[in-house]
Amino acid sequence: MAHIDLGLDETHFPGITGLMRFRPETAKPLNELAEVLLRAPHSLPPGERELIASYVSALNECTFCHNSHSAFAAAQLDKGMALVHQVKADLDGAPVSEKLRALLRIAAAVQDSGRKVTAELVDRARAEGATDVEIHDTVLIAAAFCMFNRYVDGLGTFAPTDPAAYDASAKRIVEQGYTASG
């Protein structure tokens, strides 16, 4: 049970979904931020941006965000959940581009502390073809997901432990995005 009364059945509205129903006025800008960062037209495909969100959420040990964004990434990546698991288990050996690997290293640095993002990490990402916008957005995705993770866990929201519980929301996000009503 969440630390506060959300006025709903948390098993039907787990994690951030219950929090967004509780405070729709704060949900709107948070969903708009997620939409811009994870789905808007961009040189990084949505699946890769969701993978960054999933990776940071795993590092933060946020069950709800980790499982939901893993499902969202898997639904949009050719190699699906197998790739998501590979990245989290062994970033160096995972079959991703060197550019994405460099961006994921930046995201991990942000998760630890923004000050851990070094010129060397940025230079490596640039050497692998990352643009300034991709580096900027990677840092912002990682920072935003640290906030989202702390929001979800700080209020003690319910998080299903079965990854399959996140499949329906993955389908909805892929088809409708974060700002669709309902």
N, C-alpha and C. Protein backbone atom coordinates (compact mmCIF):
# COMPACT_ATOMS: atom_id res chain seq x y z
N MET A 1 0.84 -1.18 0.00
CA MET A 1 0.00 0.00 0.00
C MET A 1 0.88 1.24 0.00
N ALA A 2 0.52 2.20 -0.80
CA ALA A 2 1.29 3.45 -0.89
C ALA A 2 1.32 4.15 0.47
N HIS A 3 2.29 5.00 0.65
CA HIS A 3 2.44 5.75 1.90
C HIS A 3 1.31 6.76 2.11
N ILE A 4 0.62 7.12 1.04
CA ILE A 4 -0.52 8.03 1.15
C ILE A 4 -1.73 7.37 0.50
N ASP A 5 -2.91 7.82 0.86
CA ASP A 5 -4.14 7.28 0.29
C ASP A 5 -4.38 7.90 -1.08
N LEU A 6 -4.22 7.10 -2.11
CA LEU A 6 -4.41 7.58 -3.48
C LEU A 6 -5.88 7.54 -3.90
N GLY A 7 -6.72 6.95 -3.07
CA GLY A 7 -8.15 6.91 -3.37
C GLY A 7 -8.51 5.99 -4.52
N LEU A 8 -7.71 4.93 -4.72
CA LEU A 8 -7.98 3.99 -5.81
C LEU A 8 -7.38 2.64 -5.48
N ASP A 9 -7.75 1.66 -6.27
CA ASP A 9 -7.19 0.32 -6.12
C ASP A 9 -5.82 0.30 -6.79
N GLU A 10 -4.78 0.27 -5.97
CA GLU A 10 -3.42 0.35 -6.51
C GLU A 10 -3.06 -0.82 -7.41
N THR A 11 -3.70 -1.96 -7.23
CA THR A 11 -3.37 -3.09 -8.11
C THR A 11 -3.84 -2.84 -9.54
N HIS A 12 -4.84 -1.96 -9.70
CA HIS A 12 -5.30 -1.58 -11.04
C HIS A 12 -4.55 -0.37 -11.59
N PHE A 13 -3.94 0.40 -10.70
CA PHE A 13 -3.19 1.61 -11.08
C PHE A 13 -1.85 1.61 -10.35
N PRO A 14 -0.96 0.70 -10.73
CA PRO A 14 0.31 0.58 -10.01
C PRO A 14 1.27 1.72 -10.33
N GLY A 15 2.29 1.84 -9.49
CA GLY A 15 3.38 2.77 -9.75
C GLY A 15 2.92 4.18 -10.03
N ILE A 16 3.50 4.76 -11.06
CA ILE A 16 3.23 6.16 -11.38
C ILE A 16 1.81 6.37 -11.90
N THR A 17 1.16 5.32 -12.40
CA THR A 17 -0.20 5.51 -12.92
C THR A 17 -1.16 5.94 -11.82
N GLY A 18 -1.03 5.36 -10.65
CA GLY A 18 -1.87 5.78 -9.52
C GLY A 18 -1.55 7.19 -9.07
N LEU A 19 -0.26 7.52 -9.05
CA LEU A 19 0.15 8.87 -8.66
C LEU A 19 -0.38 9.91 -9.64
N MET A 20 -0.40 9.57 -10.90
CA MET A 20 -0.89 10.51 -11.91
C MET A 20 -2.40 10.71 -11.81
N ARG A 21 -3.11 9.68 -11.43
CA ARG A 21 -4.55 9.84 -11.21
C ARG A 21 -4.82 10.66 -9.95
N PHE A 22 -3.95 10.51 -8.96
CA PHE A 22 -4.10 11.25 -7.70
C PHE A 22 -3.88 12.75 -7.91
N ARG A 23 -2.91 13.12 -8.75
CA ARG A 23 -2.59 14.53 -8.98
C ARG A 23 -2.49 14.80 -10.48
N PRO A 24 -3.63 14.86 -11.19
CA PRO A 24 -3.61 15.07 -12.63
C PRO A 24 -2.92 16.37 -13.04
N GLU A 25 -2.95 17.37 -12.19
CA GLU A 25 -2.31 18.64 -12.54
C GLU A 25 -0.78 18.52 -12.59
N THR A 26 -0.20 17.59 -11.83
CA THR A 26 1.24 17.34 -11.96
C THR A 26 1.52 16.27 -13.01
N ALA A 27 0.54 15.40 -13.24
CA ALA A 27 0.70 14.35 -14.25
C ALA A 27 0.88 14.94 -15.64
N LYS A 28 0.14 15.99 -15.93
CA LYS A 28 0.19 16.57 -17.28
C LYS A 28 1.61 16.97 -17.71
N PRO A 29 2.32 17.79 -16.95
CA PRO A 29 3.67 18.15 -17.39
C PRO A 29 4.65 16.97 -17.35
N LEU A 30 4.45 16.05 -16.42
CA LEU A 30 5.34 14.88 -16.38
C LEU A 30 5.14 14.00 -17.61
N ASN A 31 3.89 13.79 -18.01
CA ASN A 31 3.62 13.02 -19.22
C ASN A 31 4.11 13.74 -20.46
N GLU A 32 3.97 15.05 -20.49
CA GLU A 32 4.48 15.81 -21.64
C GLU A 32 6.00 15.69 -21.74
N LEU A 33 6.68 15.73 -20.61
CA LEU A 33 8.14 15.55 -20.61
C LEU A 33 8.50 14.16 -21.14
N ALA A 34 7.82 13.14 -20.64
CA ALA A 34 8.09 11.78 -21.12
C ALA A 34 7.83 11.65 -22.61
N GLU A 35 6.77 12.27 -23.09
CA GLU A 35 6.44 12.21 -24.51
C GLU A 35 7.55 12.83 -25.36
N VAL A 36 8.02 14.00 -24.96
CA VAL A 36 9.09 14.68 -25.71
C VAL A 36 10.38 13.87 -25.67
N LEU A 37 10.75 13.40 -24.49
CA LEU A 37 12.03 12.70 -24.35
C LEU A 37 12.03 11.32 -24.98
N LEU A 38 10.92 10.62 -24.92
CA LEU A 38 10.93 9.21 -25.31
C LEU A 38 10.23 8.90 -26.63
N ARG A 39 9.39 9.82 -27.13
CA ARG A 39 8.61 9.48 -28.32
C ARG A 39 8.65 10.51 -29.44
N ALA A 40 8.98 11.74 -29.14
CA ALA A 40 8.98 12.78 -30.18
C ALA A 40 10.01 12.45 -31.27
N PRO A 41 9.83 13.00 -32.45
CA PRO A 41 10.81 12.76 -33.51
C PRO A 41 12.23 13.07 -33.03
N HIS A 42 13.13 12.18 -33.36
CA HIS A 42 14.48 12.25 -32.81
C HIS A 42 15.40 11.36 -33.62
N SER A 43 16.69 11.61 -33.57
CA SER A 43 17.65 10.75 -34.26
C SER A 43 17.84 9.41 -33.55
N LEU A 44 17.54 9.34 -32.25
CA LEU A 44 17.55 8.06 -31.54
C LEU A 44 16.14 7.48 -31.59
N PRO A 45 16.01 6.23 -32.00
CA PRO A 45 14.68 5.62 -32.05
C PRO A 45 14.05 5.54 -30.66
N PRO A 46 12.72 5.54 -30.59
CA PRO A 46 12.05 5.45 -29.30
C PRO A 46 12.49 4.24 -28.47
N GLY A 47 12.71 3.11 -29.10
CA GLY A 47 13.14 1.92 -28.35
C GLY A 47 14.47 2.13 -27.63
N GLU A 48 15.39 2.84 -28.27
CA GLU A 48 16.68 3.12 -27.63
C GLU A 48 16.53 4.11 -26.49
N ARG A 49 15.65 5.10 -26.66
CA ARG A 49 15.42 6.06 -25.58
C ARG A 49 14.73 5.38 -24.41
N GLU A 50 13.80 4.47 -24.69
CA GLU A 50 13.16 3.71 -23.61
C GLU A 50 14.19 2.80 -22.92
N LEU A 51 15.13 2.28 -23.69
CA LEU A 51 16.18 1.44 -23.10
C LEU A 51 17.03 2.25 -22.12
N ILE A 52 17.30 3.50 -22.44
CA ILE A 52 18.03 4.37 -21.51
C ILE A 52 17.22 4.53 -20.22
N ALA A 53 15.91 4.78 -20.35
CA ALA A 53 15.03 4.92 -19.18
C ALA A 53 15.01 3.63 -18.36
N SER A 54 14.92 2.51 -19.03
CA SER A 54 14.91 1.21 -18.36
C SER A 54 16.22 0.96 -17.62
N TYR A 55 17.32 1.27 -18.28
CA TYR A 55 18.66 1.03 -17.72
C TYR A 55 18.85 1.85 -16.44
N VAL A 56 18.50 3.12 -16.49
CA VAL A 56 18.62 3.98 -15.31
C VAL A 56 17.70 3.48 -14.20
N SER A 57 16.48 3.09 -14.55
CA SER A 57 15.54 2.60 -13.56
C SER A 57 16.04 1.31 -12.91
N ALA A 58 16.70 0.46 -13.68
CA ALA A 58 17.30 -0.76 -13.12
C ALA A 58 18.42 -0.39 -12.15
N LEU A 59 19.26 0.56 -12.54
CA LEU A 59 20.34 0.99 -11.65
C LEU A 59 19.78 1.58 -10.36
N ASN A 60 18.63 2.24 -10.44
CA ASN A 60 17.99 2.81 -9.26
C ASN A 60 17.15 1.79 -8.49
N GLU A 61 17.06 0.56 -9.01
CA GLU A 61 16.30 -0.51 -8.39
C GLU A 61 14.82 -0.14 -8.21
N CYS A 62 14.28 0.57 -9.18
CA CYS A 62 12.86 0.95 -9.16
C CYS A 62 12.08 -0.12 -9.95
N THR A 63 11.44 -1.02 -9.24
CA THR A 63 10.78 -2.16 -9.88
C THR A 63 9.75 -1.73 -10.92
N PHE A 64 8.87 -0.79 -10.55
CA PHE A 64 7.82 -0.39 -11.48
C PHE A 64 8.40 0.22 -12.75
N CYS A 65 9.25 1.23 -12.62
CA CYS A 65 9.79 1.92 -13.80
C CYS A 65 10.71 1.00 -14.60
N HIS A 66 11.48 0.19 -13.91
CA HIS A 66 12.37 -0.74 -14.60
C HIS A 66 11.56 -1.72 -15.45
N ASN A 67 10.54 -2.33 -14.85
CA ASN A 67 9.74 -3.30 -15.61
C ASN A 67 8.90 -2.65 -16.69
N SER A 68 8.32 -1.49 -16.41
CA SER A 68 7.47 -0.87 -17.42
C SER A 68 8.31 -0.38 -18.60
N HIS A 69 9.40 0.29 -18.36
CA HIS A 69 10.20 0.81 -19.48
C HIS A 69 11.00 -0.28 -20.18
N SER A 70 11.26 -1.38 -19.49
CA SER A 70 11.83 -2.55 -20.18
C SER A 70 10.82 -3.07 -21.19
N ALA A 71 9.56 -3.15 -20.78
CA ALA A 71 8.50 -3.62 -21.69
C ALA A 71 8.31 -2.65 -22.85
N PHE A 72 8.36 -1.34 -22.55
CA PHE A 72 8.20 -0.33 -23.60
C PHE A 72 9.36 -0.40 -24.60
N ALA A 73 10.59 -0.58 -24.08
CA ALA A 73 11.76 -0.70 -24.95
C ALA A 73 11.66 -1.96 -25.79
N ALA A 74 11.38 -3.08 -25.14
CA ALA A 74 11.32 -4.37 -25.84
C ALA A 74 10.30 -4.36 -26.97
N ALA A 75 9.18 -3.68 -26.74
CA ALA A 75 8.13 -3.62 -27.77
C ALA A 75 8.57 -2.83 -29.00
N GLN A 76 9.65 -2.06 -28.87
CA GLN A 76 10.09 -1.20 -29.97
C GLN A 76 11.49 -1.54 -30.49
N LEU A 77 12.10 -2.57 -29.95
CA LEU A 77 13.43 -2.99 -30.38
C LEU A 77 13.33 -4.32 -31.13
N ASP A 78 14.07 -4.44 -32.22
CA ASP A 78 14.02 -5.66 -33.02
C ASP A 78 14.34 -6.91 -32.20
N LYS A 79 15.28 -6.82 -31.28
CA LYS A 79 15.67 -7.98 -30.49
C LYS A 79 14.91 -8.09 -29.17
N GLY A 80 13.92 -7.23 -28.98
CA GLY A 80 12.98 -7.33 -27.87
C GLY A 80 13.60 -7.40 -26.48
N MET A 81 12.92 -8.15 -25.63
CA MET A 81 13.32 -8.23 -24.23
C MET A 81 14.68 -8.89 -24.06
N ALA A 82 15.05 -9.76 -24.98
CA ALA A 82 16.37 -10.39 -24.88
C ALA A 82 17.47 -9.33 -24.89
N LEU A 83 17.32 -8.33 -25.74
CA LEU A 83 18.31 -7.25 -25.81
C LEU A 83 18.29 -6.42 -24.52
N VAL A 84 17.11 -6.13 -24.01
CA VAL A 84 17.00 -5.36 -22.77
C VAL A 84 17.76 -6.09 -21.66
N HIS A 85 17.54 -7.39 -21.55
CA HIS A 85 18.22 -8.18 -20.51
C HIS A 85 19.74 -8.20 -20.74
N GLN A 86 20.16 -8.32 -21.99
CA GLN A 86 21.59 -8.35 -22.29
C GLN A 86 22.27 -7.05 -21.89
N VAL A 87 21.64 -5.92 -22.19
CA VAL A 87 22.21 -4.62 -21.86
C VAL A 87 22.40 -4.50 -20.35
N LYS A 88 21.39 -4.92 -19.59
CA LYS A 88 21.49 -4.79 -18.14
C LYS A 88 22.48 -5.78 -17.54
N ALA A 89 22.60 -6.95 -18.13
CA ALA A 89 23.51 -7.97 -17.60
C ALA A 89 24.96 -7.70 -17.96
N ASP A 90 25.19 -7.17 -19.17
CA ASP A 90 26.57 -7.01 -19.65
C ASP A 90 26.61 -5.94 -20.74
N LEU A 91 26.65 -4.69 -20.33
CA LEU A 91 26.63 -3.59 -21.30
C LEU A 91 27.76 -3.73 -22.31
N ASP A 92 28.95 -4.13 -21.87
CA ASP A 92 30.09 -4.24 -22.78
C ASP A 92 29.89 -5.31 -23.84
N GLY A 93 29.20 -6.38 -23.50
CA GLY A 93 29.00 -7.48 -24.44
C GLY A 93 27.67 -7.45 -25.18
N ALA A 94 26.79 -6.53 -24.82
CA ALA A 94 25.47 -6.49 -25.44
C ALA A 94 25.57 -6.06 -26.91
N PRO A 95 24.73 -6.64 -27.76
CA PRO A 95 24.77 -6.31 -29.19
C PRO A 95 24.05 -5.00 -29.52
N VAL A 96 24.64 -3.89 -29.06
CA VAL A 96 24.13 -2.56 -29.38
C VAL A 96 25.25 -1.78 -30.06
N SER A 97 24.89 -0.70 -30.71
CA SER A 97 25.89 0.12 -31.38
C SER A 97 26.83 0.73 -30.33
N GLU A 98 28.03 1.05 -30.77
CA GLU A 98 28.99 1.70 -29.87
C GLU A 98 28.46 3.06 -29.41
N LYS A 99 27.71 3.72 -30.28
CA LYS A 99 27.12 5.00 -29.89
C LYS A 99 26.14 4.81 -28.74
N LEU A 100 25.23 3.84 -28.86
CA LEU A 100 24.27 3.61 -27.79
C LEU A 100 24.98 3.17 -26.52
N ARG A 101 25.99 2.33 -26.64
CA ARG A 101 26.76 1.90 -25.47
C ARG A 101 27.37 3.12 -24.76
N ALA A 102 27.93 4.05 -25.54
CA ALA A 102 28.52 5.26 -24.96
C ALA A 102 27.46 6.13 -24.28
N LEU A 103 26.28 6.23 -24.90
CA LEU A 103 25.18 7.00 -24.30
C LEU A 103 24.69 6.33 -23.02
N LEU A 104 24.61 5.01 -23.00
CA LEU A 104 24.20 4.30 -21.79
C LEU A 104 25.22 4.50 -20.66
N ARG A 105 26.48 4.60 -21.01
CA ARG A 105 27.51 4.89 -19.98
C ARG A 105 27.30 6.29 -19.41
N ILE A 106 26.94 7.24 -20.27
CA ILE A 106 26.63 8.59 -19.78
C ILE A 106 25.42 8.54 -18.86
N ALA A 107 24.40 7.80 -19.26
CA ALA A 107 23.20 7.68 -18.43
C ALA A 107 23.52 7.08 -17.06
N ALA A 108 24.39 6.07 -17.04
CA ALA A 108 24.79 5.46 -15.77
C ALA A 108 25.55 6.45 -14.90
N ALA A 109 26.36 7.27 -15.53
CA ALA A 109 27.09 8.29 -14.77
C ALA A 109 26.12 9.29 -14.15
N VAL A 110 25.12 9.73 -14.92
CA VAL A 110 24.11 10.65 -14.40
C VAL A 110 23.39 10.02 -13.23
N GLN A 111 23.04 8.75 -13.35
CA GLN A 111 22.32 8.05 -12.28
C GLN A 111 23.11 8.09 -10.98
N ASP A 112 24.42 7.96 -11.10
CA ASP A 112 25.28 8.01 -9.91
C ASP A 112 25.39 9.44 -9.39
N SER A 113 25.70 10.37 -10.27
CA SER A 113 25.79 11.80 -9.94
C SER A 113 26.04 12.55 -11.23
N GLY A 114 25.33 13.63 -11.43
CA GLY A 114 25.56 14.42 -12.64
C GLY A 114 27.02 14.79 -12.82
N ARG A 115 27.71 14.94 -11.73
CA ARG A 115 29.14 15.30 -11.80
C ARG A 115 30.02 14.17 -12.28
N LYS A 116 29.45 12.97 -12.37
CA LYS A 116 30.22 11.82 -12.87
C LYS A 116 30.27 11.79 -14.40
N VAL A 117 29.51 12.65 -15.04
CA VAL A 117 29.58 12.75 -16.50
C VAL A 117 30.83 13.55 -16.82
N THR A 118 31.81 12.87 -17.37
CA THR A 118 33.11 13.48 -17.64
C THR A 118 33.23 13.89 -19.10
N ALA A 119 34.19 14.74 -19.36
CA ALA A 119 34.50 15.12 -20.74
C ALA A 119 34.88 13.88 -21.54
N GLU A 120 35.53 12.92 -20.91
CA GLU A 120 35.92 11.70 -21.60
C GLU A 120 34.70 10.89 -22.05
N LEU A 121 33.69 10.79 -21.18
CA LEU A 121 32.46 10.09 -21.57
C LEU A 121 31.78 10.78 -22.74
N VAL A 122 31.72 12.09 -22.69
CA VAL A 122 31.09 12.86 -23.77
C VAL A 122 31.91 12.74 -25.04
N ASP A 123 33.23 12.87 -24.93
CA ASP A 123 34.09 12.73 -26.11
C ASP A 123 33.95 11.36 -26.75
N ARG A 124 33.83 10.33 -25.92
CA ARG A 124 33.67 8.97 -26.45
C ARG A 124 32.35 8.85 -27.21
N ALA A 125 31.29 9.41 -26.65
CA ALA A 125 29.99 9.37 -27.33
C ALA A 125 30.06 10.11 -28.66
N ARG A 126 30.70 11.26 -28.65
CA ARG A 126 30.86 12.02 -29.90
C ARG A 126 31.68 11.23 -30.92
N ALA A 127 32.75 10.58 -30.45
CA ALA A 127 33.59 9.79 -31.35
C ALA A 127 32.81 8.64 -31.97
N GLU A 128 31.78 8.18 -31.29
CA GLU A 128 30.93 7.10 -31.81
C GLU A 128 29.76 7.62 -32.62
N GLY A 129 29.71 8.95 -32.82
CA GLY A 129 28.69 9.54 -33.68
C GLY A 129 27.54 10.21 -32.98
N ALA A 130 27.56 10.30 -31.64
CA ALA A 130 26.47 10.94 -30.92
C ALA A 130 26.50 12.45 -31.16
N THR A 131 25.33 13.00 -31.38
CA THR A 131 25.21 14.45 -31.56
C THR A 131 25.05 15.13 -30.20
N ASP A 132 25.19 16.44 -30.19
CA ASP A 132 24.98 17.18 -28.95
C ASP A 132 23.55 17.02 -28.44
N VAL A 133 22.58 16.96 -29.34
CA VAL A 133 21.18 16.76 -28.92
C VAL A 133 21.02 15.37 -28.30
N GLU A 134 21.64 14.36 -28.88
CA GLU A 134 21.54 13.00 -28.32
C GLU A 134 22.20 12.93 -26.94
N ILE A 135 23.33 13.59 -26.77
CA ILE A 135 24.00 13.62 -25.47
C ILE A 135 23.13 14.39 -24.47
N HIS A 136 22.64 15.54 -24.88
CA HIS A 136 21.75 16.34 -24.02
C HIS A 136 20.55 15.51 -23.57
N ASP A 137 19.88 14.88 -24.53
CA ASP A 137 18.66 14.16 -24.21
C ASP A 137 18.94 12.91 -23.38
N THR A 138 20.09 12.28 -23.58
CA THR A 138 20.47 11.14 -22.73
C THR A 138 20.61 11.58 -21.29
N VAL A 139 21.30 12.70 -21.08
CA VAL A 139 21.46 13.22 -19.72
C VAL A 139 20.09 13.57 -19.13
N LEU A 140 19.23 14.20 -19.92
CA LEU A 140 17.92 14.59 -19.41
C LEU A 140 17.03 13.38 -19.15
N ILE A 141 17.07 12.36 -20.02
CA ILE A 141 16.32 11.13 -19.77
C ILE A 141 16.78 10.51 -18.45
N ALA A 142 18.09 10.39 -18.29
CA ALA A 142 18.63 9.78 -17.06
C ALA A 142 18.23 10.58 -15.83
N ALA A 143 18.36 11.90 -15.90
CA ALA A 143 18.00 12.75 -14.76
C ALA A 143 16.50 12.67 -14.47
N ALA A 144 15.69 12.71 -15.52
CA ALA A 144 14.24 12.63 -15.35
C ALA A 144 13.85 11.29 -14.73
N PHE A 145 14.48 10.22 -15.16
CA PHE A 145 14.12 8.92 -14.61
C PHE A 145 14.62 8.72 -13.19
N CYS A 146 15.67 9.39 -12.81
CA CYS A 146 16.03 9.40 -11.39
C CYS A 146 14.89 10.04 -10.60
N MET A 147 14.34 11.14 -11.11
CA MET A 147 13.21 11.79 -10.45
C MET A 147 11.97 10.88 -10.46
N PHE A 148 11.61 10.33 -11.63
CA PHE A 148 10.45 9.46 -11.71
C PHE A 148 10.60 8.27 -10.76
N ASN A 149 11.79 7.67 -10.73
CA ASN A 149 12.03 6.52 -9.86
C ASN A 149 11.85 6.88 -8.40
N ARG A 150 12.36 8.03 -8.02
CA ARG A 150 12.24 8.46 -6.63
C ARG A 150 10.79 8.84 -6.28
N TYR A 151 10.07 9.37 -7.23
CA TYR A 151 8.65 9.70 -7.06
C TYR A 151 7.86 8.42 -6.77
N VAL A 152 8.05 7.42 -7.62
CA VAL A 152 7.33 6.15 -7.50
C VAL A 152 7.71 5.42 -6.21
N ASP A 153 8.99 5.30 -5.94
CA ASP A 153 9.44 4.56 -4.75
C ASP A 153 9.29 5.38 -3.47
N GLY A 154 9.45 6.69 -3.57
CA GLY A 154 9.35 7.54 -2.39
C GLY A 154 7.95 7.56 -1.78
N LEU A 155 6.94 7.28 -2.61
CA LEU A 155 5.58 7.21 -2.10
C LEU A 155 5.12 5.77 -1.90
N GLY A 156 6.05 4.83 -2.06
CA GLY A 156 5.76 3.43 -1.75
C GLY A 156 4.65 2.82 -2.60
N THR A 157 4.61 3.15 -3.88
CA THR A 157 3.54 2.64 -4.73
C THR A 157 3.68 1.14 -5.00
N PHE A 158 2.57 0.54 -5.35
CA PHE A 158 2.52 -0.88 -5.69
C PHE A 158 3.20 -1.10 -7.04
N ALA A 159 4.00 -2.16 -7.12
CA ALA A 159 4.66 -2.52 -8.39
C ALA A 159 4.52 -4.01 -8.60
N PRO A 160 3.80 -4.42 -9.63
CA PRO A 160 3.73 -5.86 -9.93
C PRO A 160 5.15 -6.40 -10.17
N THR A 161 5.40 -7.59 -9.70
CA THR A 161 6.73 -8.17 -9.89
C THR A 161 6.82 -9.01 -11.16
N ASP A 162 5.68 -9.40 -11.71
CA ASP A 162 5.67 -10.18 -12.94
C ASP A 162 5.82 -9.25 -14.14
N PRO A 163 6.93 -9.36 -14.88
CA PRO A 163 7.12 -8.48 -16.04
C PRO A 163 5.97 -8.53 -17.04
N ALA A 164 5.24 -9.62 -17.13
CA ALA A 164 4.11 -9.73 -18.06
C ALA A 164 3.00 -8.75 -17.70
N ALA A 165 2.95 -8.31 -16.46
CA ALA A 165 1.92 -7.36 -16.04
C ALA A 165 2.07 -6.01 -16.74
N TYR A 166 3.19 -5.78 -17.37
CA TYR A 166 3.47 -4.50 -18.01
C TYR A 166 3.21 -4.51 -19.52
N ASP A 167 2.84 -5.67 -20.06
CA ASP A 167 2.68 -5.79 -21.51
C ASP A 167 1.55 -4.93 -22.07
N ALA A 168 0.42 -4.86 -21.38
CA ALA A 168 -0.71 -4.06 -21.88
C ALA A 168 -0.36 -2.58 -21.92
N SER A 169 0.32 -2.10 -20.90
CA SER A 169 0.70 -0.68 -20.91
C SER A 169 1.76 -0.42 -21.99
N ALA A 170 2.61 -1.40 -22.26
CA ALA A 170 3.58 -1.23 -23.34
C ALA A 170 2.87 -1.05 -24.68
N LYS A 171 1.87 -1.87 -24.91
CA LYS A 171 1.10 -1.77 -26.16
C LYS A 171 0.44 -0.39 -26.26
N ARG A 172 -0.14 0.08 -25.16
CA ARG A 172 -0.81 1.38 -25.16
C ARG A 172 0.19 2.51 -25.40
N ILE A 173 1.33 2.48 -24.75
CA ILE A 173 2.33 3.54 -24.92
C ILE A 173 2.85 3.56 -26.35
N VAL A 174 3.15 2.40 -26.90
CA VAL A 174 3.65 2.34 -28.28
C VAL A 174 2.62 2.87 -29.26
N GLU A 175 1.36 2.55 -29.04
CA GLU A 175 0.30 2.98 -29.97
C GLU A 175 -0.16 4.41 -29.74
N GLN A 176 -0.24 4.86 -28.47
CA GLN A 176 -0.86 6.13 -28.18
C GLN A 176 0.04 7.17 -27.53
N GLY A 177 1.15 6.74 -26.96
CA GLY A 177 2.06 7.67 -26.31
C GLY A 177 1.70 7.96 -24.87
N TYR A 178 2.43 8.89 -24.30
CA TYR A 178 2.29 9.22 -22.88
C TYR A 178 1.21 10.27 -22.61
N THR A 179 0.81 11.02 -23.61
CA THR A 179 -0.12 12.11 -23.37
C THR A 179 -1.55 11.80 -23.79
N ALA A 180 -1.80 10.59 -24.28
CA ALA A 180 -3.16 10.20 -24.65
C ALA A 180 -4.02 10.14 -23.40
N SER A 181 -5.22 10.63 -23.48
CA SER A 181 -6.10 10.58 -22.30
C SER A 181 -6.63 9.18 -22.11
N GLY A 182 -6.97 8.89 -20.87
CA GLY A 182 -7.55 7.60 -20.56
C GLY A 182 -6.63 6.79 -19.79
